[in-house]
Amino acid sequence: MSTQQTDALVVTKHGGIEVLEVQPREIDRPGPGQLLVQVAAAGVNFIDTYQREGVYPIPTPFVLGGEGAGIVLATGEGVTTAVEGDRVAWCQTLGSAAGLVLVPENDVVPVPEPVHLEQAAAVLLQGMTAHYLLNSTFAVQPGDTVLVHAAAGGVGQLLVQLAKAKDAIVIGTVSTEAKAEKARALGADHVLNYTEVTDVAAAVRELTGGVGVEVVYDGVGKATFDASLGSLRTRGMLAVFGAASGQVPPFDLQRLNSGGSLFVTRPTLKHYIETRHDLLTRAGAVLNGLAFGGLQVEIGGRYPLAEAERAYSDLEGRRSTGKLLLIP
């Protein structure tokens, strides 16, 4: 089988951003059920940092990145849903931070013509995350009050927009006034700057007349967990879907009782797109929202593979808004 060479972002061993190296890699022609894709852009996500650090252990060395979009160059035996030249996107194929990648046919979704490939790479994982959180983890209803941490981040911006589309009342937290302006522009009803608000839970209760919110969407984790629990109304739900500040440590379940028969869940996207039908439904809702429904995705930075350390430093240091991309 003939091979091609491509540059790829390799995790040489588990650790910090210093373990990342751009290396040449040989890539085979697509096998049965595979597509060979020329990558237009690869998404930069917190799950990449967990894999790099070994929190989600993957044997090293490995090529980083799970999300991307590009053009199909060739198809393997048995492929029926894509042909050469198709525009596709994916968000669950390890090794996507490279110029060329082999993607299973069942992992890709078609990209509607009005959507730029960089937009597709920027929105798919985080857009489908926002979609399942708002529709399946906790089905937000009109009039519900929701708390979105990191409301100016990649998932946060999409959560704000999609929650407002459901006629929810949105409270967002941010770290700077510039991010506060971003969240307000996307529709957030109230924005709390946690560098100025010493007690976020108390501020949330003040905004809700002492009641609390129906649901908290928390992608920050360790640093916000206590405030998230303290912001919930009786029988409210906390959905911890990420850990930008670190993993939440073990806690006493009795806190859920004393807090008002609360619910806590730790969802992840793969369990909400286990079937091809679910993947196409959620991806279609997000990409069509981008193409035709007024959904906005902010690309906060574009970095060549050689500057991947800077990209992940900006992400982990929370110095960015919107979605960061690697451009092979």
Protein backbone atom coordinates (compact mmCIF):
# COMPACT_ATOMS: atom_id res chain seq x y z
CA MET A 1 0.00 0.00 0.00
CA SER A 2 1.41 3.40 -0.95
CA THR A 3 1.91 5.98 1.77
CA GLN A 4 2.15 9.74 1.99
CA GLN A 5 4.05 11.92 4.42
CA THR A 6 2.39 14.58 6.53
CA ASP A 7 3.35 16.86 9.40
CA ALA A 8 1.63 15.96 12.65
CA LEU A 9 1.50 17.30 16.21
CA VAL A 10 2.89 14.52 18.40
CA VAL A 11 2.64 14.02 22.17
CA THR A 12 6.07 12.53 22.83
CA LYS A 13 5.30 11.66 26.48
CA HIS A 14 2.69 12.66 29.02
CA GLY A 15 3.22 16.12 30.47
CA GLY A 16 2.87 19.84 29.83
CA ILE A 17 2.94 21.74 26.56
CA GLU A 18 6.69 21.15 26.30
CA VAL A 19 6.07 17.51 25.29
CA LEU A 20 4.49 18.60 21.98
CA GLU A 21 6.55 18.22 18.79
CA VAL A 22 5.73 18.58 15.10
CA GLN A 23 7.04 15.46 13.38
CA PRO A 24 6.74 13.94 9.90
CA ARG A 25 4.48 10.91 9.82
CA GLU A 26 3.72 8.32 7.16
CA ILE A 27 0.03 7.86 6.43
CA ASP A 28 -1.40 4.92 4.50
CA ARG A 29 -4.07 4.99 1.87
CA PRO A 30 -7.53 4.54 3.37
CA GLY A 31 -8.52 1.04 4.37
CA PRO A 32 -12.05 -0.41 4.43
CA GLY A 33 -14.53 2.09 5.84
CA GLN A 34 -11.95 4.90 6.00
CA LEU A 35 -11.56 8.31 4.38
CA LEU A 36 -8.27 10.09 3.69
CA VAL A 37 -8.89 13.76 4.45
CA GLN A 38 -6.78 16.85 3.83
CA VAL A 39 -7.24 18.80 7.07
CA ALA A 40 -8.25 22.45 6.67
CA ALA A 41 -8.34 23.09 10.42
CA ALA A 42 -8.18 21.13 13.67
CA GLY A 43 -9.94 22.18 16.85
CA VAL A 44 -8.04 22.96 20.07
CA ASN A 45 -9.96 21.48 23.01
CA PHE A 46 -9.50 20.83 26.72
CA ILE A 47 -9.86 17.10 26.16
CA ASP A 48 -6.56 17.33 24.25
CA THR A 49 -4.87 18.59 27.44
CA TYR A 50 -6.30 15.71 29.48
CA GLN A 51 -4.94 13.25 26.91
CA ARG A 52 -1.57 15.01 26.77
CA GLU A 53 -1.24 15.03 30.56
CA GLY A 54 -2.31 11.41 30.91
CA VAL A 55 -5.54 12.15 32.81
CA TYR A 56 -7.15 10.23 29.94
CA PRO A 57 -4.28 7.76 29.36
CA ILE A 58 -3.21 7.07 25.80
CA PRO A 59 0.09 5.27 25.10
CA THR A 60 2.73 7.70 23.84
CA PRO A 61 3.82 8.80 21.34
CA PHE A 62 0.53 9.68 19.64
CA VAL A 63 -0.78 12.38 17.34
CA LEU A 64 -2.96 14.86 19.23
CA GLY A 65 -6.32 16.28 18.25
CA GLY A 66 -9.76 14.76 17.89
CA GLU A 67 -11.67 17.39 15.92
CA GLY A 68 -11.28 18.76 12.43
CA ALA A 69 -12.71 19.53 9.03
CA GLY A 70 -11.38 19.14 5.52
CA ILE A 71 -11.68 17.74 2.01
CA VAL A 72 -11.92 14.02 1.22
CA LEU A 73 -8.95 12.98 -0.94
CA ALA A 74 -9.68 9.26 -1.21
CA THR A 75 -12.06 6.62 0.13
CA GLY A 76 -11.50 3.03 1.17
CA GLU A 77 -13.35 -0.10 0.27
CA GLY A 78 -17.01 -0.16 1.24
CA VAL A 79 -17.41 3.58 1.82
CA THR A 80 -20.87 4.67 0.66
CA THR A 81 -21.54 8.04 2.32
CA ALA A 82 -18.66 10.16 0.98
CA VAL A 83 -16.71 10.63 -2.22
CA GLU A 84 -13.53 12.43 -3.24
CA GLY A 85 -13.98 16.19 -2.94
CA ASP A 86 -16.64 16.10 -0.22
CA ARG A 87 -16.42 18.62 2.63
CA VAL A 88 -16.59 16.81 5.96
CA ALA A 89 -16.09 17.41 9.67
CA TRP A 90 -15.55 15.14 12.70
CA CYS A 91 -14.86 15.42 16.41
CA GLN A 92 -13.95 11.98 17.75
CA THR A 93 -10.96 10.80 15.71
CA LEU A 94 -7.62 10.92 17.52
CA GLY A 95 -4.74 12.16 15.36
CA SER A 96 -6.54 15.08 13.75
CA ALA A 97 -3.82 17.70 14.36
CA ALA A 98 -2.05 16.84 11.11
CA GLY A 99 -2.04 17.76 7.46
CA LEU A 100 -3.59 14.44 6.47
CA VAL A 101 -5.73 12.13 8.58
CA LEU A 102 -7.53 8.82 8.16
CA VAL A 103 -11.07 9.13 9.53
CA PRO A 104 -13.63 6.33 9.92
CA GLU A 105 -16.59 6.89 7.61
CA ASN A 106 -19.01 6.67 10.52
CA ASP A 107 -17.26 9.52 12.37
CA VAL A 108 -17.70 12.19 9.69
CA VAL A 109 -20.63 14.46 8.97
CA PRO A 110 -21.25 16.51 5.81
CA VAL A 111 -20.57 20.24 6.00
CA PRO A 112 -23.32 22.41 4.42
CA GLU A 113 -22.04 24.58 1.59
CA PRO A 114 -22.60 27.97 3.34
CA VAL A 115 -20.36 26.88 6.25
CA HIS A 116 -16.61 27.51 5.91
CA LEU A 117 -14.47 24.51 6.84
CA GLU A 118 -12.74 26.51 9.58
CA GLN A 119 -16.16 27.29 11.05
CA ALA A 120 -17.09 23.61 10.95
CA ALA A 121 -13.88 22.66 12.77
CA ALA A 122 -14.55 25.41 15.30
CA VAL A 123 -18.15 24.49 16.10
CA LEU A 124 -18.71 20.76 15.88
CA LEU A 125 -17.46 19.37 19.19
CA GLN A 126 -18.46 22.34 21.30
CA GLY A 127 -21.71 22.90 19.42
CA MET A 128 -22.83 19.31 19.89
CA THR A 129 -21.75 19.54 23.53
CA ALA A 130 -23.97 22.59 24.04
CA HIS A 131 -26.77 20.82 22.15
CA TYR A 132 -26.81 17.70 24.33
CA LEU A 133 -26.37 19.68 27.56
CA LEU A 134 -29.39 21.88 26.81
CA ASN A 135 -31.63 19.25 25.22
CA SER A 136 -30.75 15.94 26.83
CA THR A 137 -28.70 16.28 30.04
CA PHE A 138 -31.17 18.90 31.29
CA ALA A 139 -33.98 19.79 28.91
CA VAL A 140 -34.19 23.56 29.33
CA GLN A 141 -37.71 24.98 29.14
CA PRO A 142 -38.87 28.54 28.42
CA GLY A 143 -38.51 30.65 31.55
CA ASP A 144 -35.86 28.42 33.18
CA THR A 145 -32.89 30.25 34.66
CA VAL A 146 -29.52 28.74 33.79
CA LEU A 147 -25.99 29.54 34.97
CA VAL A 148 -23.22 29.23 32.38
CA HIS A 149 -19.64 29.38 33.64
CA ALA A 150 -16.99 30.75 31.25
CA ALA A 151 -19.77 32.29 29.19
CA ALA A 152 -17.34 33.86 26.72
CA GLY A 153 -15.46 30.61 26.07
CA GLY A 154 -16.03 28.26 23.16
CA VAL A 155 -18.81 26.15 24.70
CA GLY A 156 -20.04 29.04 26.82
CA GLN A 157 -20.83 31.27 23.86
CA LEU A 158 -22.84 28.49 22.23
CA LEU A 159 -24.66 27.63 25.47
CA VAL A 160 -25.69 31.27 25.88
CA GLN A 161 -27.05 31.49 22.32
CA LEU A 162 -28.86 28.16 22.36
CA ALA A 163 -30.33 28.75 25.82
CA LYS A 164 -31.67 32.14 24.73
CA ALA A 165 -33.17 30.48 21.66
CA LYS A 166 -35.15 28.36 24.16
CA ASP A 167 -36.34 31.53 25.94
CA ALA A 168 -34.32 30.78 29.05
CA ILE A 169 -32.91 33.41 31.41
CA VAL A 170 -29.12 33.20 31.24
CA ILE A 171 -26.62 34.18 33.94
CA GLY A 172 -23.02 33.97 32.78
CA THR A 173 -19.71 34.15 34.62
CA VAL A 174 -16.55 35.60 33.08
CA SER A 175 -13.08 36.75 34.13
CA THR A 176 -12.76 40.13 32.39
CA GLU A 177 -14.97 43.03 31.35
CA ALA A 178 -14.18 42.35 27.69
CA LYS A 179 -15.53 38.83 28.12
CA ALA A 180 -18.55 40.22 29.92
CA GLU A 181 -19.32 42.43 26.91
CA LYS A 182 -19.00 39.39 24.66
CA ALA A 183 -21.46 37.37 26.75
CA ARG A 184 -23.97 40.24 26.86
CA ALA A 185 -23.73 40.69 23.10
CA LEU A 186 -24.68 37.05 22.64
CA GLY A 187 -27.76 37.48 24.81
CA ALA A 188 -26.79 36.79 28.43
CA ASP A 189 -29.29 38.50 30.72
CA HIS A 190 -26.86 38.88 33.64
CA VAL A 191 -23.07 38.60 33.69
CA LEU A 192 -20.93 38.15 36.82
CA ASN A 193 -17.22 38.95 36.70
CA TYR A 194 -15.80 36.54 39.27
CA THR A 195 -12.69 38.69 39.72
CA GLU A 196 -15.02 41.33 41.18
CA VAL A 197 -17.77 39.19 42.74
CA THR A 198 -16.45 37.50 45.86
CA ASP A 199 -19.41 35.13 46.33
CA VAL A 200 -20.84 33.96 43.01
CA ALA A 201 -23.50 31.75 44.60
CA ALA A 202 -24.78 34.64 46.72
CA ALA A 203 -24.88 36.89 43.66
CA VAL A 204 -26.82 34.25 41.71
CA ARG A 205 -29.34 33.90 44.53
CA GLU A 206 -29.75 37.65 44.67
CA LEU A 207 -30.48 37.71 40.93
CA THR A 208 -33.05 34.92 41.33
CA GLY A 209 -34.88 36.30 44.35
CA GLY A 210 -33.21 33.80 46.66
CA VAL A 211 -34.44 30.78 44.70
CA GLY A 212 -31.39 29.71 42.67
CA VAL A 213 -31.15 28.35 39.13
CA GLU A 214 -32.63 25.23 37.56
CA VAL A 215 -29.31 24.12 36.08
CA VAL A 216 -25.62 25.05 36.11
CA TYR A 217 -23.44 24.23 33.10
CA ASP A 218 -19.89 24.04 34.46
CA GLY A 219 -16.92 23.38 32.19
CA VAL A 220 -14.45 24.92 34.66
CA GLY A 221 -14.56 22.23 37.33
CA LYS A 222 -12.54 22.46 40.52
CA ALA A 223 -12.52 26.25 40.91
CA THR A 224 -16.28 26.70 40.38
CA PHE A 225 -17.75 23.49 41.81
CA ASP A 226 -18.71 24.87 45.23
CA ALA A 227 -20.25 28.03 43.75
CA SER A 228 -22.14 25.87 41.26
CA LEU A 229 -23.70 23.73 43.98
CA GLY A 230 -24.52 26.83 46.00
CA SER A 231 -26.31 28.43 43.03
CA LEU A 232 -28.87 25.64 42.52
CA ARG A 233 -32.51 25.75 43.48
CA THR A 234 -34.19 22.80 45.19
CA ARG A 235 -33.83 19.71 42.98
CA GLY A 236 -31.58 21.65 40.61
CA MET A 237 -28.96 19.99 38.43
CA LEU A 238 -25.24 20.65 38.12
CA ALA A 239 -23.75 19.39 34.84
CA VAL A 240 -19.94 19.33 35.13
CA PHE A 241 -18.85 18.76 31.54
CA GLY A 242 -15.21 19.87 31.79
CA ALA A 243 -12.37 20.70 34.11
CA ALA A 244 -10.54 23.77 32.80
CA SER A 245 -9.33 24.58 36.34
CA GLY A 246 -8.65 20.96 37.33
CA GLN A 247 -10.66 17.87 38.19
CA VAL A 248 -13.33 18.12 40.89
CA PRO A 249 -12.09 16.29 44.00
CA PRO A 250 -14.24 13.69 45.79
CA PHE A 251 -17.02 15.23 47.87
CA ASP A 252 -19.57 14.15 50.47
CA LEU A 253 -22.82 13.11 48.78
CA GLN A 254 -24.69 14.41 51.82
CA ARG A 255 -24.09 17.90 50.41
CA LEU A 256 -26.64 17.10 47.72
CA ASN A 257 -29.23 16.35 50.41
CA SER A 258 -28.59 19.45 52.49
CA GLY A 259 -28.42 21.62 49.36
CA GLY A 260 -31.98 20.67 48.38
CA SER A 261 -32.01 17.13 46.92
CA LEU A 262 -29.63 18.26 44.19
CA PHE A 263 -28.42 16.35 41.14
CA VAL A 264 -24.84 16.25 39.84
CA THR A 265 -23.82 14.63 36.56
CA ARG A 266 -20.53 14.35 34.66
CA PRO A 267 -21.63 13.91 31.03
CA THR A 268 -19.42 13.55 27.99
CA LEU A 269 -20.24 13.93 24.31
CA LYS A 270 -19.43 10.39 23.17
CA HIS A 271 -22.34 8.97 25.18
CA TYR A 272 -24.74 11.35 23.44
CA ILE A 273 -23.61 10.50 19.90
CA GLU A 274 -23.22 6.73 20.27
CA THR A 275 -25.45 6.04 17.27
CA ARG A 276 -25.00 7.36 13.76
CA HIS A 277 -28.51 8.81 13.99
CA ASP A 278 -27.67 10.80 17.13
CA LEU A 279 -24.42 12.08 15.59
CA LEU A 280 -26.14 13.26 12.40
CA THR A 281 -29.05 14.78 14.33
CA ARG A 282 -26.88 16.82 16.70
CA ALA A 283 -24.32 17.77 14.05
CA GLY A 284 -27.08 18.75 11.64
CA ALA A 285 -28.74 20.97 14.24
CA VAL A 286 -25.46 22.76 14.93
CA LEU A 287 -24.17 23.11 11.37
CA ASN A 288 -27.56 24.11 9.97
CA GLY A 289 -27.91 26.61 12.81
CA LEU A 290 -24.59 28.08 11.70
CA ALA A 291 -25.56 28.05 8.02
CA PHE A 292 -29.16 29.21 8.22
CA GLY A 293 -30.22 29.87 11.82
CA GLY A 294 -28.10 32.78 12.96
CA LEU A 295 -25.87 30.75 15.29
CA GLN A 296 -22.50 32.48 15.71
CA VAL A 297 -19.13 30.86 16.33
CA GLU A 298 -16.13 33.03 17.19
CA ILE A 299 -12.73 31.84 16.04
CA GLY A 300 -10.51 33.28 18.75
CA GLY A 301 -7.19 32.33 17.21
CA ARG A 302 -5.54 30.46 14.34
CA TYR A 303 -2.13 28.85 14.93
CA PRO A 304 0.16 26.84 12.66
CA LEU A 305 1.14 23.42 14.02
CA ALA A 306 4.56 24.81 14.89
CA GLU A 307 2.88 27.20 17.36
CA ALA A 308 0.71 24.59 19.04
CA GLU A 309 2.41 25.19 22.40
CA ARG A 310 1.21 28.80 22.29
CA ALA A 311 -2.31 27.70 21.35
CA TYR A 312 -2.62 25.34 24.30
CA SER A 313 -0.95 27.85 26.62
CA ASP A 314 -3.56 30.44 25.61
CA LEU A 315 -6.37 27.90 26.10
CA GLU A 316 -5.20 26.63 29.50
CA GLY A 317 -4.34 30.13 30.70
CA ARG A 318 -7.86 31.26 29.78
CA ARG A 319 -6.40 34.10 27.72
CA SER A 320 -8.73 33.44 24.80
CA THR A 321 -12.35 33.83 23.84
CA GLY A 322 -14.20 31.65 21.37
CA LYS A 323 -12.58 28.68 19.65
CA LEU A 324 -8.89 28.18 18.87
CA LEU A 325 -7.81 26.34 15.73
CA LEU A 326 -4.63 24.69 14.47
CA ILE A 327 -4.08 25.25 10.74
CA PRO A 328 -1.84 22.48 9.28
